[in-house]
Protein backbone atom coordinates (compact mmCIF):
# COMPACT_ATOMS: atom_id res chain seq x y z
CA MET A 1 22.53 -34.35 13.85
CA SER A 2 23.70 -33.58 17.41
CA LEU A 3 21.93 -31.25 19.85
CA ASP A 4 25.09 -29.31 20.67
CA LEU A 5 25.79 -25.71 21.62
CA ALA A 6 26.16 -24.61 17.99
CA PHE A 7 22.71 -26.01 17.15
CA PHE A 8 20.97 -24.25 20.04
CA ALA A 9 22.83 -20.99 19.38
CA ALA A 10 21.08 -20.88 15.99
CA ALA A 11 17.86 -22.73 16.83
CA ILE A 12 16.75 -20.73 19.89
CA PRO A 13 16.78 -17.30 18.16
CA ALA A 14 15.09 -18.92 15.15
CA VAL A 15 12.26 -20.28 17.28
CA VAL A 16 11.86 -16.96 19.13
CA LEU A 17 11.55 -15.11 15.81
CA ALA A 18 8.96 -17.63 14.62
CA GLY A 19 7.01 -17.14 17.84
CA LEU A 20 7.03 -13.36 17.54
CA ALA A 21 5.86 -13.75 13.93
CA LYS A 22 3.00 -16.03 14.98
CA GLY A 23 2.10 -13.50 17.65
CA GLY A 24 1.67 -10.77 15.04
CA PHE A 25 5.04 -9.48 13.86
CA ALA A 26 4.53 -10.88 10.36
CA GLY A 27 7.74 -11.33 8.38
CA LEU A 28 10.10 -12.21 11.20
CA GLY A 29 9.34 -15.90 10.75
CA LEU A 30 11.01 -15.88 7.34
CA LEU A 31 14.36 -15.54 9.08
CA SER A 32 13.86 -18.69 11.16
CA VAL A 33 14.79 -21.40 8.67
CA PRO A 34 17.83 -19.52 7.25
CA LEU A 35 19.05 -18.88 10.79
CA MET A 36 18.64 -22.48 11.89
CA ALA A 37 20.28 -23.56 8.63
CA LEU A 38 23.54 -22.12 9.97
CA SER A 39 23.89 -25.32 12.02
CA VAL A 40 21.87 -27.92 10.08
CA SER A 41 20.76 -28.36 6.47
CA PRO A 42 17.82 -26.21 5.27
CA VAL A 43 15.68 -29.33 4.79
CA THR A 44 16.38 -30.48 8.35
CA ALA A 45 15.70 -26.97 9.64
CA GLY A 46 12.32 -26.96 7.89
CA ALA A 47 11.44 -30.37 9.32
CA ILE A 48 12.33 -29.30 12.87
CA MET A 49 10.38 -26.05 12.53
CA LEU A 50 7.11 -27.52 11.21
CA PRO A 51 5.94 -29.21 14.47
CA LEU A 52 6.89 -26.05 16.36
CA LEU A 53 4.93 -23.90 13.93
CA ILE A 54 1.89 -26.13 14.40
CA VAL A 55 2.06 -25.73 18.17
CA GLN A 56 2.59 -21.97 17.85
CA ASP A 57 -0.45 -21.89 15.57
CA VAL A 58 -2.60 -23.16 18.45
CA VAL A 59 -1.59 -20.15 20.56
CA SER A 60 -2.03 -17.59 17.78
CA VAL A 61 -5.33 -19.00 16.50
CA TRP A 62 -6.76 -19.09 20.03
CA SER A 63 -5.59 -15.54 20.69
CA TYR A 64 -7.23 -14.19 17.50
CA ARG A 65 -10.10 -16.70 17.17
CA HIS A 66 -12.73 -13.93 16.99
CA GLU A 67 -10.75 -11.60 14.72
CA PHE A 68 -10.31 -12.74 11.11
CA ASP A 69 -11.64 -12.06 7.63
CA ARG A 70 -13.61 -14.99 6.22
CA ARG A 71 -13.56 -13.78 2.60
CA ASN A 72 -9.76 -13.71 2.54
CA LEU A 73 -9.58 -17.26 3.84
CA LEU A 74 -12.02 -18.46 1.19
CA THR A 75 -10.23 -16.74 -1.71
CA LEU A 76 -6.75 -17.86 -0.62
CA ALA A 77 -7.44 -21.50 0.25
CA PRO A 78 -7.88 -23.14 -3.21
CA GLY A 79 -4.71 -21.62 -4.65
CA ALA A 80 -2.74 -22.44 -1.51
CA LEU A 81 -3.64 -26.14 -1.73
CA LEU A 82 -2.50 -26.23 -5.35
CA GLY A 83 0.70 -24.42 -4.38
CA VAL A 84 1.61 -27.01 -1.74
CA LEU A 85 0.92 -29.81 -4.21
CA ALA A 86 3.01 -28.16 -6.92
CA ALA A 87 5.93 -27.60 -4.53
CA TYR A 88 5.83 -31.24 -3.43
CA LEU A 89 5.76 -32.53 -7.00
CA LEU A 90 8.51 -30.17 -8.15
CA ALA A 91 10.71 -30.45 -5.05
CA ALA A 92 13.46 -32.26 -6.96
CA TRP A 93 13.63 -29.60 -9.72
CA VAL A 94 12.96 -26.32 -7.94
CA SER A 95 15.92 -24.54 -6.36
CA ASP A 96 15.29 -23.02 -2.92
CA ALA A 97 17.60 -20.19 -3.96
CA ALA A 98 15.55 -19.39 -7.06
CA VAL A 99 12.28 -19.40 -5.12
CA GLY A 100 13.75 -17.22 -2.39
CA LEU A 101 15.15 -14.78 -4.93
CA ALA A 102 11.80 -14.43 -6.69
CA VAL A 103 9.90 -13.94 -3.43
CA GLY A 104 12.49 -11.41 -2.27
CA VAL A 105 12.27 -9.30 -5.43
CA ILE A 106 8.46 -9.25 -5.26
CA SER A 107 8.54 -8.35 -1.56
CA ILE A 108 10.97 -5.45 -2.03
CA GLY A 109 9.02 -4.10 -4.99
CA PHE A 110 5.73 -4.23 -3.11
CA ALA A 111 7.12 -2.70 0.08
CA LEU A 112 8.85 0.17 -1.77
CA ARG A 113 5.78 0.86 -3.88
CA ARG A 114 3.58 1.14 -0.80
CA MET A 115 6.11 3.12 1.25
CA LEU A 116 6.80 5.63 -1.54
CA ALA A 117 3.22 5.98 -2.73
CA SER A 118 1.32 9.20 -2.16
CA GLY A 119 -1.23 9.50 0.62
CA GLN A 120 -4.03 9.33 -1.93
CA ALA A 121 -2.72 6.07 -3.37
CA LEU A 122 -2.42 4.56 0.10
CA SER A 123 -5.97 5.59 0.96
CA ARG A 124 -7.41 3.40 -1.79
CA VAL A 125 -8.55 0.16 -0.20
CA ARG A 126 -8.72 -3.05 -2.21
CA ARG A 127 -11.14 -5.88 -1.56
CA ALA A 128 -10.44 -9.60 -1.42
CA ASN A 129 -11.22 -11.23 -4.79
CA TRP A 130 -10.95 -14.68 -6.33
CA ALA A 131 -8.42 -13.78 -9.02
CA GLY A 132 -5.95 -12.18 -6.64
CA GLY A 133 -6.61 -14.71 -3.91
CA SER A 134 -5.97 -17.64 -6.25
CA LEU A 135 -2.66 -16.19 -7.51
CA TRP A 136 -1.26 -15.11 -4.16
CA GLY A 137 -2.71 -18.15 -2.43
CA PHE A 138 -0.81 -20.39 -4.85
CA LEU A 139 2.42 -18.49 -4.13
CA CYS A 140 1.73 -18.74 -0.38
CA GLY A 141 1.32 -22.50 -0.60
CA PHE A 142 4.30 -22.99 -2.91
CA THR A 143 6.79 -20.88 -0.94
CA SER A 144 5.48 -22.15 2.40
CA MET A 145 6.06 -25.76 1.34
CA ILE A 146 9.52 -25.00 -0.05
CA ALA A 147 10.89 -22.93 2.85
CA HIS A 148 8.08 -21.91 5.28
CA ALA A 149 8.18 -18.59 3.41
CA GLY A 150 4.52 -17.92 2.66
CA GLY A 151 4.38 -14.64 4.57
CA PRO A 152 5.31 -12.11 1.85
CA PRO A 153 2.72 -13.31 -0.73
CA PHE A 154 0.07 -13.21 2.01
CA GLN A 155 1.06 -9.68 3.02
CA ILE A 156 1.12 -8.46 -0.59
CA TYR A 157 -2.44 -9.69 -1.10
CA VAL A 158 -3.99 -8.70 2.24
CA MET A 159 -2.21 -5.49 3.30
CA PRO A 160 -3.80 -3.22 0.62
CA GLN A 161 -7.19 -4.15 2.09
CA LYS A 162 -6.38 -2.12 5.23
CA LEU A 163 -7.90 -4.61 7.64
CA PRO A 164 -7.74 -3.75 11.34
CA PRO A 165 -4.42 -5.08 12.69
CA ALA A 166 -6.08 -7.77 14.81
CA SER A 167 -8.11 -9.00 11.80
CA PHE A 168 -4.99 -8.99 9.61
CA ILE A 169 -3.09 -11.07 12.17
CA GLY A 170 -6.02 -13.39 12.89
CA THR A 171 -6.61 -14.10 9.19
CA GLY A 172 -2.95 -14.98 8.75
CA ALA A 173 -2.95 -17.11 11.88
CA ILE A 174 -5.87 -19.26 10.74
CA PHE A 175 -4.68 -19.44 7.14
CA PHE A 176 -1.16 -20.59 7.96
CA ALA A 177 -2.35 -22.91 10.73
CA ALA A 178 -4.44 -24.80 8.17
CA LEU A 179 -1.62 -24.67 5.63
CA ASN A 180 0.90 -26.12 8.08
CA TRP A 181 -1.34 -29.13 8.70
CA VAL A 182 -1.63 -29.62 4.93
CA LYS A 183 2.19 -29.73 4.75
CA VAL A 184 2.45 -32.59 7.26
CA ALA A 185 1.64 -35.31 4.70
CA PRO A 186 4.21 -34.13 2.11
CA TYR A 187 6.88 -33.88 4.82
CA ILE A 188 6.11 -37.44 5.93
CA ALA A 189 6.26 -38.60 2.31
CA LEU A 190 9.66 -36.92 1.95
CA GLY A 191 10.91 -38.76 5.06
CA GLN A 192 11.67 -35.62 7.06
CA PHE A 193 10.17 -36.54 10.45
CA SER A 194 13.08 -38.59 11.76
CA PRO A 195 13.44 -39.37 15.51
CA ALA A 196 16.36 -36.92 15.75
CA ASN A 197 14.38 -34.09 14.15
CA LEU A 198 11.33 -34.73 16.33
CA LEU A 199 13.53 -34.80 19.45
CA ALA A 200 14.97 -31.41 18.52
CA SER A 201 11.44 -30.06 18.04
CA ALA A 202 10.40 -31.38 21.46
CA VAL A 203 13.38 -29.74 23.20
CA LEU A 204 12.58 -26.38 21.59
CA LEU A 205 8.82 -26.60 22.26
CA PRO A 206 8.67 -24.52 25.51
CA ILE A 207 10.55 -21.66 23.84
CA ALA A 208 8.16 -21.81 20.88
CA ILE A 209 5.11 -21.45 23.13
CA LEU A 210 6.50 -18.66 25.32
CA SER A 211 7.73 -16.59 22.37
CA THR A 212 4.32 -16.78 20.68
CA PHE A 213 2.56 -15.48 23.80
CA ALA A 214 5.18 -12.72 23.95
CA GLY A 215 4.41 -11.74 20.35
CA VAL A 216 0.66 -11.59 21.04
CA TRP A 217 1.24 -9.42 24.12
CA LEU A 218 3.56 -7.02 22.32
CA ILE A 219 1.59 -6.59 19.09
CA ARG A 220 -1.63 -5.65 20.90
CA ARG A 221 0.19 -2.60 22.25
CA VAL A 222 1.29 -1.24 18.86
CA PRO A 223 -1.01 1.46 17.30
CA ALA A 224 -2.58 0.55 13.95
CA GLU A 225 -0.68 3.11 11.85
CA ARG A 226 2.63 2.19 13.43
CA PHE A 227 1.79 -1.49 12.99
CA TYR A 228 1.51 -1.25 9.19
CA THR A 229 4.61 0.94 8.95
CA LEU A 230 6.51 -1.70 10.92
CA ILE A 231 5.20 -4.49 8.69
CA TYR A 232 6.32 -2.66 5.54
CA TRP A 233 9.84 -2.24 6.94
CA LEU A 234 9.96 -5.89 8.00
CA LEU A 235 8.80 -6.96 4.54
CA LEU A 236 11.49 -4.81 2.96
CA ALA A 237 14.22 -6.20 5.24
CA VAL A 238 13.15 -9.80 4.77
CA GLY A 239 12.88 -9.30 1.00
CA ALA A 240 16.45 -7.98 0.92
CA LYS A 241 17.61 -11.00 2.94
CA LEU A 242 15.88 -13.39 0.53
CA VAL A 243 17.41 -11.67 -2.50
CA TRP A 244 20.88 -11.77 -0.94
CA ASP A 245 20.60 -15.48 -0.06
CA GLY A 246 19.10 -16.30 -3.46
CA VAL A 247 21.84 -14.55 -5.44
CA ARG A 248 24.57 -16.04 -3.26
CA HIS A 249 23.31 -19.62 -3.54
CA LEU A 250 22.54 -19.32 -7.23
CA LYS A 251 26.17 -18.34 -7.82
CA VAL A 252 27.27 -21.41 -5.89
CA LEU A 253 25.00 -23.64 -7.97
CA VAL A 254 26.30 -22.14 -11.21
């Protein structure tokens, strides 16, 4: 892999999107790996992104360290650990395209259901529970390990709880920060932290930090109602992108 103009033309926007996502614009980060994969393989893109995500997590966790929901973290964690383990064990048999397609369909269905629901339906607030947390936590861990795509399952589980925006973002920041550290061992076992990949991560590090601070600054200026409307639209757009990529790559595999 060479650090040429084509690589940076794809990598810099990818890292900026990941930073904005870590700052609070949940969903944008899903576009990072596919965008970087325009210049390198998806596996290499994931390996380059993981150290950057871990550094961005430091900024986002510090920014929202007092604003998170403990019950959500507790209900999501066990399933997420099993999801990472399952993705690692099944890496040779699970198609990224199939996983992306499934996540995309679920994301679109959830976003449309919430956006088209009546005001009365939207006013009903759900509470974090072990059954839902275990299921969606598993999907978070599995899709995060496969393609750093754990955002939609997290949103589907947490958004109906109508947490304050800062608590919603803080819970996600802490959850995915812990999950990214869990993924380090499997990535090492898969031989993905090569000197070339780590060098690329180091070069992109300043952009990763600055874009995360930018996301935190911007999201704190978005009203709560507009925040959730924006997140639904982002989830819908990202879901459509995942479905498109999944269908296209599945056709290639067939």
